[in-house]
PDB file of N, CA and C in Angstrom:
ATOM      1  N   UNK A   1       0.836  -1.163   0.000  1.00  0.00           N
ATOM      2  CA  UNK A   1       0.000   0.000   0.000  1.00  0.00           C
ATOM      3  C   UNK A   1       0.889   1.236   0.000  1.00  0.00           C
ATOM      4  N   UNK A   2       0.838   2.002  -1.051  1.00  0.00           N
ATOM      5  CA  UNK A   2       1.588   3.240  -1.206  1.00  0.00           C
ATOM      6  C   UNK A   2       3.085   3.039  -1.008  1.00  0.00           C
ATOM      7  N   UNK A   3       3.604   1.876  -1.352  1.00  0.00           N
ATOM      8  CA  UNK A   3       5.029   1.613  -1.249  1.00  0.00           C
ATOM      9  C   UNK A   3       5.494   1.177   0.129  1.00  0.00           C
ATOM     10  N   UNK A   4       4.568   0.921   1.042  1.00  0.00           N
ATOM     11  CA  UNK A   4       4.923   0.455   2.376  1.00  0.00           C
ATOM     12  C   UNK A   4       4.641  -1.026   2.499  1.00  0.00           C
ATOM     13  N   UNK A   5       5.464  -1.710   3.282  1.00  0.00           N
ATOM     14  CA  UNK A   5       5.223  -3.127   3.522  1.00  0.00           C
ATOM     15  C   UNK A   5       4.162  -3.272   4.608  1.00  0.00           C
ATOM     16  N   UNK A   6       3.643  -4.472   4.730  1.00  0.00           N
ATOM     17  CA  UNK A   6       2.629  -4.741   5.750  1.00  0.00           C
ATOM     18  C   UNK A   6       3.201  -4.512   7.153  1.00  0.00           C
ATOM     19  N   UNK A   7       4.459  -4.849   7.328  1.00  0.00           N
ATOM     20  CA  UNK A   7       5.104  -4.661   8.626  1.00  0.00           C
ATOM     21  C   UNK A   7       5.191  -3.180   8.997  1.00  0.00           C
ATOM     22  N   UNK A   8       5.517  -2.327   8.024  1.00  0.00           N
ATOM     23  CA  UNK A   8       5.611  -0.893   8.282  1.00  0.00           C
ATOM     24  C   UNK A   8       4.247  -0.289   8.617  1.00  0.00           C
ATOM     25  N   UNK A   9       3.222  -0.722   7.912  1.00  0.00           N
ATOM     26  CA  UNK A   9       1.870  -0.224   8.178  1.00  0.00           C
ATOM     27  C   UNK A   9       1.415  -0.676   9.564  1.00  0.00           C
ATOM     28  N   UNK A  10       1.695  -1.919   9.920  1.00  0.00           N
ATOM     29  CA  UNK A  10       1.323  -2.430  11.239  1.00  0.00           C
ATOM     30  C   UNK A  10       2.066  -1.697  12.340  1.00  0.00           C
ATOM     31  N   UNK A  11       3.337  -1.457  12.154  1.00  0.00           N
ATOM     32  CA  UNK A  11       4.134  -0.736  13.156  1.00  0.00           C
ATOM     33  C   UNK A  11       3.602   0.679  13.351  1.00  0.00           C
ATOM     34  N   UNK A  12       3.255   1.346  12.253  1.00  0.00           N
ATOM     35  CA  UNK A  12       2.680   2.682  12.350  1.00  0.00           C
ATOM     36  C   UNK A  12       1.354   2.651  13.098  1.00  0.00           C
ATOM     37  N   UNK A  13       0.517   1.669  12.775  1.00  0.00           N
ATOM     38  CA  UNK A  13      -0.781   1.554  13.439  1.00  0.00           C
ATOM     39  C   UNK A  13      -0.655   1.283  14.921  1.00  0.00           C
ATOM     40  N   UNK A  14       0.263   0.406  15.286  1.00  0.00           N
ATOM     41  CA  UNK A  14       0.473   0.100  16.699  1.00  0.00           C
ATOM     42  C   UNK A  14       1.035   1.311  17.419  1.00  0.00           C
ATOM     43  N   UNK A  15       1.991   1.980  16.816  1.00  0.00           N
ATOM     44  CA  UNK A  15       2.656   3.099  17.488  1.00  0.00           C
ATOM     45  C   UNK A  15       1.737   4.305  17.623  1.00  0.00           C
ATOM     46  N   UNK A  16       1.218   4.808  16.528  1.00  0.00           N
ATOM     47  CA  UNK A  16       0.450   6.048  16.563  1.00  0.00           C
ATOM     48  C   UNK A  16      -1.042   5.819  16.778  1.00  0.00           C
ATOM     49  N   UNK A  17      -1.581   4.785  16.182  1.00  0.00           N
ATOM     50  CA  UNK A  17      -3.007   4.506  16.365  1.00  0.00           C
ATOM     51  C   UNK A  17      -3.330   4.143  17.801  1.00  0.00           C
ATOM     52  N   UNK A  18      -2.513   3.298  18.396  1.00  0.00           N
ATOM     53  CA  UNK A  18      -2.751   2.912  19.775  1.00  0.00           C
ATOM     54  C   UNK A  18      -2.462   4.060  20.728  1.00  0.00           C
ATOM     55  N   UNK A  19      -1.479   4.890  20.418  1.00  0.00           N
ATOM     56  CA  UNK A  19      -1.208   6.064  21.250  1.00  0.00           C
ATOM     57  C   UNK A  19      -2.403   7.018  21.227  1.00  0.00           C
ATOM     58  N   UNK A  20      -3.007   7.202  20.080  1.00  0.00           N
ATOM     59  CA  UNK A  20      -4.193   8.057  19.984  1.00  0.00           C
ATOM     60  C   UNK A  20      -5.358   7.444  20.752  1.00  0.00           C
ATOM     61  N   UNK A  21      -5.509   6.141  20.674  1.00  0.00           N
ATOM     62  CA  UNK A  21      -6.576   5.453  21.404  1.00  0.00           C
ATOM     63  C   UNK A  21      -6.366   5.567  22.910  1.00  0.00           C
ATOM     64  N   UNK A  22      -5.133   5.447  23.383  1.00  0.00           N
ATOM     65  CA  UNK A  22      -4.827   5.594  24.799  1.00  0.00           C
ATOM     66  C   UNK A  22      -5.128   7.020  25.255  1.00  0.00           C
ATOM     67  N   UNK A  23      -4.749   8.009  24.447  1.00  0.00           N
ATOM     68  CA  UNK A  23      -5.043   9.405  24.791  1.00  0.00           C
ATOM     69  C   UNK A  23      -6.549   9.632  24.876  1.00  0.00           C
ATOM     70  N   UNK A  24      -7.307   9.022  23.984  1.00  0.00           N
ATOM     71  CA  UNK A  24      -8.763   9.150  24.019  1.00  0.00           C
ATOM     72  C   UNK A  24      -9.340   8.494  25.274  1.00  0.00           C
ATOM     73  N   UNK A  25      -8.807   7.339  25.649  1.00  0.00           N
ATOM     74  CA  UNK A  25      -9.285   6.674  26.863  1.00  0.00           C
ATOM     75  C   UNK A  25      -8.949   7.488  28.107  1.00  0.00           C
ATOM     76  N   UNK A  26      -7.790   8.140  28.125  1.00  0.00           N
ATOM     77  CA  UNK A  26      -7.455   9.010  29.255  1.00  0.00           C
ATOM     78  C   UNK A  26      -8.411  10.197  29.323  1.00  0.00           C
ATOM     79  N   UNK A  27      -8.811  10.727  28.178  1.00  0.00           N
ATOM     80  CA  UNK A  27      -9.810  11.790  28.150  1.00  0.00           C
ATOM     81  C   UNK A  27     -11.138  11.299  28.716  1.00  0.00           C
ATOM     82  N   UNK A  28     -11.527  10.086  28.372  1.00  0.00           N
ATOM     83  CA  UNK A  28     -12.776   9.524  28.887  1.00  0.00           C
ATOM     84  C   UNK A  28     -12.714   9.385  30.409  1.00  0.00           C
ATOM     85  N   UNK A  29     -11.596   8.911  30.944  1.00  0.00           N
ATOM     86  CA  UNK A  29     -11.439   8.776  32.390  1.00  0.00           C
ATOM     87  C   UNK A  29     -11.502  10.151  33.049  1.00  0.00           C
ATOM     88  N   UNK A  30     -10.836  11.144  32.482  1.00  0.00           N
ATOM     89  CA  UNK A  30     -10.862  12.499  33.039  1.00  0.00           C
ATOM     90  C   UNK A  30     -12.284  13.059  33.014  1.00  0.00           C
ATOM     91  N   UNK A  31     -12.987  12.850  31.909  1.00  0.00           N
ATOM     92  CA  UNK A  31     -14.363  13.332  31.790  1.00  0.00           C
ATOM     93  C   UNK A  31     -15.269  12.636  32.807  1.00  0.00           C
ATOM     94  N   UNK A  32     -15.067  11.354  33.009  1.00  0.00           N
ATOM     95  CA  UNK A  32     -15.835  10.609  34.004  1.00  0.00           C
ATOM     96  C   UNK A  32     -15.585  11.161  35.407  1.00  0.00           C
ATOM     97  N   UNK A  33     -14.332  11.451  35.730  1.00  0.00           N
ATOM     98  CA  UNK A  33     -13.998  11.998  37.047  1.00  0.00           C
ATOM     99  C   UNK A  33     -14.604  13.387  37.228  1.00  0.00           C
ATOM    100  N   UNK A  34     -14.593  14.181  36.177  1.00  0.00           N
ATOM    101  CA  UNK A  34     -15.128  15.542  36.265  1.00  0.00           C
ATOM    102  C   UNK A  34     -16.638  15.536  36.436  1.00  0.00           C
ATOM    103  N   UNK A  35     -17.331  14.702  35.650  1.00  0.00           N
ATOM    104  CA  UNK A  35     -18.798  14.682  35.708  1.00  0.00           C
ATOM    105  C   UNK A  35     -19.328  14.028  36.982  1.00  0.00           C
ATOM    106  N   UNK A  36     -18.539  13.143  37.599  1.00  0.00           N
ATOM    107  CA  UNK A  36     -19.009  12.478  38.812  1.00  0.00           C
ATOM    108  C   UNK A  36     -18.573  13.205  40.076  1.00  0.00           C
ATOM    109  N   UNK A  37     -17.895  14.361  39.920  1.00  0.00           N
ATOM    110  CA  UNK A  37     -17.392  15.131  41.065  1.00  0.00           C
ATOM    111  C   UNK A  37     -16.584  14.239  42.006  1.00  0.00           C
ATOM    112  N   UNK A  38     -15.617  13.545  41.450  1.00  0.00           N
ATOM    113  CA  UNK A  38     -14.870  12.538  42.199  1.00  0.00           C
ATOM    114  C   UNK A  38     -13.907  13.143  43.207  1.00  0.00           C
ATOM    115  N   UNK A  39     -13.473  14.356  43.044  1.00  0.00           N
ATOM    116  CA  UNK A  39     -12.496  14.941  43.941  1.00  0.00           C
ATOM    117  C   UNK A  39     -11.091  14.489  43.568  1.00  0.00           C
ATOM    118  N   UNK A  40     -10.119  14.942  44.361  1.00  0.00           N
ATOM    119  CA  UNK A  40      -8.728  14.608  44.036  1.00  0.00           C
ATOM    120  C   UNK A  40      -8.431  13.130  44.201  1.00  0.00           C
ATOM    121  N   UNK A  41      -8.802  12.577  45.345  1.00  0.00           N
ATOM    122  CA  UNK A  41      -8.494  11.173  45.598  1.00  0.00           C
ATOM    123  C   UNK A  41      -9.277  10.259  44.657  1.00  0.00           C
ATOM    124  N   UNK A  42     -10.538  10.574  44.427  1.00  0.00           N
ATOM    125  CA  UNK A  42     -11.342   9.774  43.504  1.00  0.00           C
ATOM    126  C   UNK A  42     -10.802   9.815  42.087  1.00  0.00           C
ATOM    127  N   UNK A  43     -10.355  10.981  41.660  1.00  0.00           N
ATOM    128  CA  UNK A  43      -9.756  11.106  40.331  1.00  0.00           C
ATOM    129  C   UNK A  43      -8.480  10.290  40.242  1.00  0.00           C
ATOM    130  N   UNK A  44      -7.669  10.351  41.306  1.00  0.00           N
ATOM    131  CA  UNK A  44      -6.449   9.551  41.331  1.00  0.00           C
ATOM    132  C   UNK A  44      -6.762   8.068  41.225  1.00  0.00           C
ATOM    133  N   UNK A  45      -7.763   7.613  41.981  1.00  0.00           N
ATOM    134  CA  UNK A  45      -8.138   6.195  41.947  1.00  0.00           C
ATOM    135  C   UNK A  45      -8.625   5.806  40.554  1.00  0.00           C
ATOM    136  N   UNK A  46      -9.453   6.655  39.939  1.00  0.00           N
ATOM    137  CA  UNK A  46      -9.931   6.360  38.588  1.00  0.00           C
ATOM    138  C   UNK A  46      -8.779   6.238  37.600  1.00  0.00           C
ATOM    139  N   UNK A  47      -7.867   7.197  37.635  1.00  0.00           N
ATOM    140  CA  UNK A  47      -6.742   7.146  36.709  1.00  0.00           C
ATOM    141  C   UNK A  47      -5.844   5.959  37.005  1.00  0.00           C
ATOM    142  N   UNK A  48      -5.603   5.664  38.272  1.00  0.00           N
ATOM    143  CA  UNK A  48      -4.715   4.565  38.620  1.00  0.00           C
ATOM    144  C   UNK A  48      -5.308   3.230  38.205  1.00  0.00           C
ATOM    145  N   UNK A  49      -6.564   2.994  38.544  1.00  0.00           N
ATOM    146  CA  UNK A  49      -7.182   1.702  38.272  1.00  0.00           C
ATOM    147  C   UNK A  49      -7.503   1.522  36.793  1.00  0.00           C
ATOM    148  N   UNK A  50      -8.147   2.512  36.195  1.00  0.00           N
ATOM    149  CA  UNK A  50      -8.583   2.361  34.807  1.00  0.00           C
ATOM    150  C   UNK A  50      -7.439   2.507  33.810  1.00  0.00           C
ATOM    151  N   UNK A  51      -6.379   3.204  34.197  1.00  0.00           N
ATOM    152  CA  UNK A  51      -5.258   3.393  33.280  1.00  0.00           C
ATOM    153  C   UNK A  51      -4.127   2.405  33.542  1.00  0.00           C
ATOM    154  N   UNK A  52      -4.298   1.495  34.483  1.00  0.00           N
ATOM    155  CA  UNK A  52      -3.226   0.570  34.839  1.00  0.00           C
ATOM    156  C   UNK A  52      -2.833  -0.331  33.667  1.00  0.00           C
ATOM    157  N   UNK A  53      -3.802  -0.796  32.896  1.00  0.00           N
ATOM    158  CA  UNK A  53      -3.502  -1.624  31.732  1.00  0.00           C
ATOM    159  C   UNK A  53      -2.748  -0.866  30.664  1.00  0.00           C
ATOM    160  N   UNK A  54      -3.090   0.398  30.488  1.00  0.00           N
ATOM    161  CA  UNK A  54      -2.378   1.218  29.505  1.00  0.00           C
ATOM    162  C   UNK A  54      -0.929   1.427  29.931  1.00  0.00           C
ATOM    163  N   UNK A  55      -0.722   1.627  31.219  1.00  0.00           N
ATOM    164  CA  UNK A  55       0.638   1.799  31.734  1.00  0.00           C
ATOM    165  C   UNK A  55       1.452   0.535  31.491  1.00  0.00           C
ATOM    166  N   UNK A  56       0.841  -0.621  31.678  1.00  0.00           N
ATOM    167  CA  UNK A  56       1.525  -1.888  31.420  1.00  0.00           C
ATOM    168  C   UNK A  56       1.918  -2.038  29.962  1.00  0.00           C
ATOM    169  N   UNK A  57       1.023  -1.639  29.056  1.00  0.00           N
ATOM    170  CA  UNK A  57       1.333  -1.746  27.634  1.00  0.00           C
ATOM    171  C   UNK A  57       2.471  -0.809  27.258  1.00  0.00           C
ATOM    172  N   UNK A  58       2.453   0.388  27.804  1.00  0.00           N
ATOM    173  CA  UNK A  58       3.523   1.352  27.521  1.00  0.00           C
ATOM    174  C   UNK A  58       4.843   0.843  28.084  1.00  0.00           C
ATOM    175  N   UNK A  59       4.807   0.279  29.300  1.00  0.00           N
ATOM    176  CA  UNK A  59       6.025  -0.260  29.912  1.00  0.00           C
ATOM    177  C   UNK A  59       6.581  -1.408  29.073  1.00  0.00           C
ATOM    178  N   UNK A  60       5.699  -2.253  28.551  1.00  0.00           N
ATOM    179  CA  UNK A  60       6.139  -3.362  27.707  1.00  0.00           C
ATOM    180  C   UNK A  60       6.847  -2.837  26.463  1.00  0.00           C
ATOM    181  N   UNK A  61       6.305  -1.795  25.858  1.00  0.00           N
ATOM    182  CA  UNK A  61       6.935  -1.221  24.667  1.00  0.00           C
ATOM    183  C   UNK A  61       8.301  -0.627  24.988  1.00  0.00           C
ATOM    184  N   UNK A  62       8.411   0.044  26.124  1.00  0.00           N
ATOM    185  CA  UNK A  62       9.693   0.641  26.527  1.00  0.00           C
ATOM    186  C   UNK A  62      10.709  -0.447  26.811  1.00  0.00           C
ATOM    187  N   UNK A  63      10.307  -1.504  27.493  1.00  0.00           N
ATOM    188  CA  UNK A  63      11.234  -2.607  27.814  1.00  0.00           C
ATOM    189  C   UNK A  63      11.696  -3.280  26.534  1.00  0.00           C
ATOM    190  N   UNK A  64      10.781  -3.509  25.591  1.00  0.00           N
ATOM    191  CA  UNK A  64      11.180  -4.100  24.315  1.00  0.00           C
ATOM    192  C   UNK A  64      12.179  -3.205  23.580  1.00  0.00           C
ATOM    193  N   UNK A  65      11.962  -1.899  23.622  1.00  0.00           N
ATOM    194  CA  UNK A  65      12.876  -0.972  22.963  1.00  0.00           C
ATOM    195  C   UNK A  65      14.262  -1.009  23.617  1.00  0.00           C
ATOM    196  N   UNK A  66      14.285  -0.998  24.946  1.00  0.00           N
ATOM    197  CA  UNK A  66      15.559  -0.981  25.657  1.00  0.00           C
ATOM    198  C   UNK A  66      16.354  -2.284  25.473  1.00  0.00           C
ATOM    199  N   UNK A  67      15.632  -3.414  25.384  1.00  0.00           N
ATOM    200  CA  UNK A  67      16.301  -4.702  25.208  1.00  0.00           C
ATOM    201  C   UNK A  67      16.582  -4.998  23.746  1.00  0.00           C
ATOM    202  N   UNK A  68      16.029  -4.210  22.851  1.00  0.00           N
ATOM    203  CA  UNK A  68      16.256  -4.412  21.422  1.00  0.00           C
ATOM    204  C   UNK A  68      15.509  -5.601  20.864  1.00  0.00           C
ATOM    205  N   UNK A  69      14.374  -5.914  21.417  1.00  0.00           N
ATOM    206  CA  UNK A  69      13.579  -7.066  20.970  1.00  0.00           C
ATOM    207  C   UNK A  69      12.669  -6.635  19.851  1.00  0.00           C
TER     208      UNK A  69
END
């Protein structure tokens, strides 16, 4: 497709598409905290619990980069 290999398109999608999706999910969590009047501690809990999987995925990508995998 447009001179790119399937691997390059997949890498772009994983890198930028998933980053955009994570940013959108963080916006949803922030909006949920704002509309529910969660307060500081409640907002922290929402971000910590609901964003924990995203943090794991980001950490996995960083570890793979550092190890050269």
